[in-house]
Amino acid sequence: VSDVAEREGFGVVKTLVGHGIGEFFHGVPQVFHCRNSDNRKMQEGTTFTLEPVLTEGSRDWITWDDGWTVATSDHGRAAQFEHTLLITANGCEVMT
């Protein structure tokens, strides 16, 4: 995700990641939206989210007093979107 976003002039908040959906809604694996050193492969039957946060400015973020809402540290514009995906024998199915 970050390769395409950065090519188009946007940043990706690297510490906000997608996640597995299984026994726990926000479960393993963590799904990074940028290049990293994790070489594991998704296995058939794995359900997970991709939910990058793209920014026009800073990639650093702060949490508001409500304990949930986040914003970029420079208060610039940002957008988040999410898809839920399932790894199948034939590839990947977008569930959303």
C-alpha atoms as a PDB file:
ATOM      1  CA  VAL A   1       0.000   0.000   0.000  1.00  0.00           C
ATOM      2  CA  SER A   2       2.712   2.469   0.957  1.00  0.00           C
ATOM      3  CA  ASP A   3       4.524   2.126  -2.387  1.00  0.00           C
ATOM      4  CA  VAL A   4       1.453   3.308  -4.312  1.00  0.00           C
ATOM      5  CA  ALA A   5       0.462   5.950  -1.747  1.00  0.00           C
ATOM      6  CA  GLU A   6       3.941   7.472  -1.627  1.00  0.00           C
ATOM      7  CA  ARG A   7       4.237   7.464  -5.418  1.00  0.00           C
ATOM      8  CA  GLU A   8       1.029   9.543  -5.471  1.00  0.00           C
ATOM      9  CA  GLY A   9       2.343  11.976  -2.853  1.00  0.00           C
ATOM     10  CA  PHE A  10       0.695  10.597   0.295  1.00  0.00           C
ATOM     11  CA  GLY A  11       2.111   9.136   3.468  1.00  0.00           C
ATOM     12  CA  VAL A  12       0.974   5.995   5.284  1.00  0.00           C
ATOM     13  CA  VAL A  13       0.836   5.830   9.076  1.00  0.00           C
ATOM     14  CA  LYS A  14       3.109   2.837   9.619  1.00  0.00           C
ATOM     15  CA  THR A  15       2.115   2.061  13.200  1.00  0.00           C
ATOM     16  CA  LEU A  16      -1.624   1.691  12.478  1.00  0.00           C
ATOM     17  CA  VAL A  17      -2.063  -1.764  10.991  1.00  0.00           C
ATOM     18  CA  GLY A  18      -4.665  -4.187   9.736  1.00  0.00           C
ATOM     19  CA  HIS A  19      -5.393  -7.334  11.714  1.00  0.00           C
ATOM     20  CA  GLY A  20      -6.610 -10.877  11.629  1.00  0.00           C
ATOM     21  CA  ILE A  21     -10.222 -11.760  12.351  1.00  0.00           C
ATOM     22  CA  GLY A  22     -10.693 -15.069  14.124  1.00  0.00           C
ATOM     23  CA  GLU A  23     -11.093 -15.917  17.780  1.00  0.00           C
ATOM     24  CA  PHE A  24     -10.681 -12.193  18.476  1.00  0.00           C
ATOM     25  CA  PHE A  25     -11.864  -9.358  16.241  1.00  0.00           C
ATOM     26  CA  HIS A  26      -8.539  -7.520  16.458  1.00  0.00           C
ATOM     27  CA  GLY A  27      -6.405 -10.653  16.355  1.00  0.00           C
ATOM     28  CA  VAL A  28      -3.254 -11.914  14.746  1.00  0.00           C
ATOM     29  CA  PRO A  29      -1.683 -11.463  12.347  1.00  0.00           C
ATOM     30  CA  GLN A  30      -0.882  -7.772  12.318  1.00  0.00           C
ATOM     31  CA  VAL A  31      -1.032  -6.649   8.686  1.00  0.00           C
ATOM     32  CA  PHE A  32       1.439  -3.897   7.860  1.00  0.00           C
ATOM     33  CA  HIS A  33       0.708  -1.426   5.056  1.00  0.00           C
ATOM     34  CA  CYS A  34       4.378  -0.789   4.324  1.00  0.00           C
ATOM     35  CA  ARG A  35       7.426  -2.856   3.510  1.00  0.00           C
ATOM     36  CA  ASN A  36       8.765  -4.734   6.529  1.00  0.00           C
ATOM     37  CA  SER A  37      10.886  -7.744   7.446  1.00  0.00           C
ATOM     38  CA  ASP A  38       7.985 -10.140   8.151  1.00  0.00           C
ATOM     39  CA  ASN A  39       8.332 -12.935   5.580  1.00  0.00           C
ATOM     40  CA  ARG A  40       5.380 -15.076   6.704  1.00  0.00           C
ATOM     41  CA  LYS A  41       2.799 -16.057   4.087  1.00  0.00           C
ATOM     42  CA  MET A  42      -0.947 -15.909   4.650  1.00  0.00           C
ATOM     43  CA  GLN A  43      -2.508 -19.363   4.866  1.00  0.00           C
ATOM     44  CA  GLU A  44      -5.742 -20.523   3.251  1.00  0.00           C
ATOM     45  CA  GLY A  45      -8.670 -19.729   5.541  1.00  0.00           C
ATOM     46  CA  THR A  46      -7.063 -16.643   7.073  1.00  0.00           C
ATOM     47  CA  THR A  47      -9.436 -13.673   7.344  1.00  0.00           C
ATOM     48  CA  PHE A  48      -7.907 -10.249   7.870  1.00  0.00           C
ATOM     49  CA  THR A  49      -8.325  -6.538   7.294  1.00  0.00           C
ATOM     50  CA  LEU A  50      -6.376  -3.996   5.299  1.00  0.00           C
ATOM     51  CA  GLU A  51      -7.057  -0.555   6.747  1.00  0.00           C
ATOM     52  CA  PRO A  52      -4.339   1.944   5.886  1.00  0.00           C
ATOM     53  CA  VAL A  53      -4.426   5.550   7.018  1.00  0.00           C
ATOM     54  CA  LEU A  54      -3.180   7.863   4.252  1.00  0.00           C
ATOM     55  CA  THR A  55      -1.991  11.377   5.062  1.00  0.00           C
ATOM     56  CA  GLU A  56      -1.209  14.572   3.196  1.00  0.00           C
ATOM     57  CA  GLY A  57       1.259  15.653   5.860  1.00  0.00           C
ATOM     58  CA  SER A  58       2.814  14.061   8.911  1.00  0.00           C
ATOM     59  CA  ARG A  59       2.682  10.296   9.370  1.00  0.00           C
ATOM     60  CA  ASP A  60       2.932  10.774  13.132  1.00  0.00           C
ATOM     61  CA  TRP A  61      -0.307  10.617  15.082  1.00  0.00           C
ATOM     62  CA  ILE A  62      -1.829  11.597  18.402  1.00  0.00           C
ATOM     63  CA  THR A  63      -4.792  10.187  20.326  1.00  0.00           C
ATOM     64  CA  TRP A  64      -7.565  12.533  21.415  1.00  0.00           C
ATOM     65  CA  ASP A  65      -8.801  12.691  25.003  1.00  0.00           C
ATOM     66  CA  ASP A  66     -11.637  10.254  24.204  1.00  0.00           C
ATOM     67  CA  GLY A  67      -8.981   7.518  24.032  1.00  0.00           C
ATOM     68  CA  TRP A  68     -10.079   6.323  20.578  1.00  0.00           C
ATOM     69  CA  THR A  69      -9.965   9.109  17.979  1.00  0.00           C
ATOM     70  CA  VAL A  70      -6.598   9.698  16.347  1.00  0.00           C
ATOM     71  CA  ALA A  71      -5.339  12.611  14.252  1.00  0.00           C
ATOM     72  CA  THR A  72      -2.077  13.424  12.546  1.00  0.00           C
ATOM     73  CA  SER A  73       0.325  15.348  14.752  1.00  0.00           C
ATOM     74  CA  ASP A  74       0.282  18.291  12.328  1.00  0.00           C
ATOM     75  CA  HIS A  75      -3.563  18.204  12.190  1.00  0.00           C
ATOM     76  CA  GLY A  76      -3.350  17.693   8.426  1.00  0.00           C
ATOM     77  CA  ARG A  77      -5.872  15.817   6.349  1.00  0.00           C
ATOM     78  CA  ALA A  78      -5.931  12.035   6.525  1.00  0.00           C
ATOM     79  CA  ALA A  79      -8.253   9.275   5.373  1.00  0.00           C
ATOM     80  CA  GLN A  80      -8.728   5.666   6.417  1.00  0.00           C
ATOM     81  CA  PHE A  81     -10.462   2.898   4.525  1.00  0.00           C
ATOM     82  CA  GLU A  82     -10.875  -0.777   5.248  1.00  0.00           C
ATOM     83  CA  HIS A  83     -11.422  -4.050   3.442  1.00  0.00           C
ATOM     84  CA  THR A  84     -11.881  -7.498   4.929  1.00  0.00           C
ATOM     85  CA  LEU A  85     -10.221 -10.271   2.937  1.00  0.00           C
ATOM     86  CA  LEU A  86     -10.199 -14.071   3.002  1.00  0.00           C
ATOM     87  CA  ILE A  87      -7.332 -16.184   1.703  1.00  0.00           C
ATOM     88  CA  THR A  88      -8.768 -19.017  -0.422  1.00  0.00           C
ATOM     89  CA  ALA A  89      -7.290 -21.926  -2.354  1.00  0.00           C
ATOM     90  CA  ASN A  90      -7.549 -19.748  -5.480  1.00  0.00           C
ATOM     91  CA  GLY A  91      -6.144 -16.516  -4.063  1.00  0.00           C
ATOM     92  CA  CYS A  92      -7.860 -13.775  -2.131  1.00  0.00           C
ATOM     93  CA  GLU A  93     -11.553 -12.886  -1.847  1.00  0.00           C
ATOM     94  CA  VAL A  94     -12.601  -9.359  -0.887  1.00  0.00           C
ATOM     95  CA  MET A  95     -15.403  -9.771   1.665  1.00  0.00           C
ATOM     96  CA  THR A  96     -16.425  -6.096   1.902  1.00  0.00           C
END
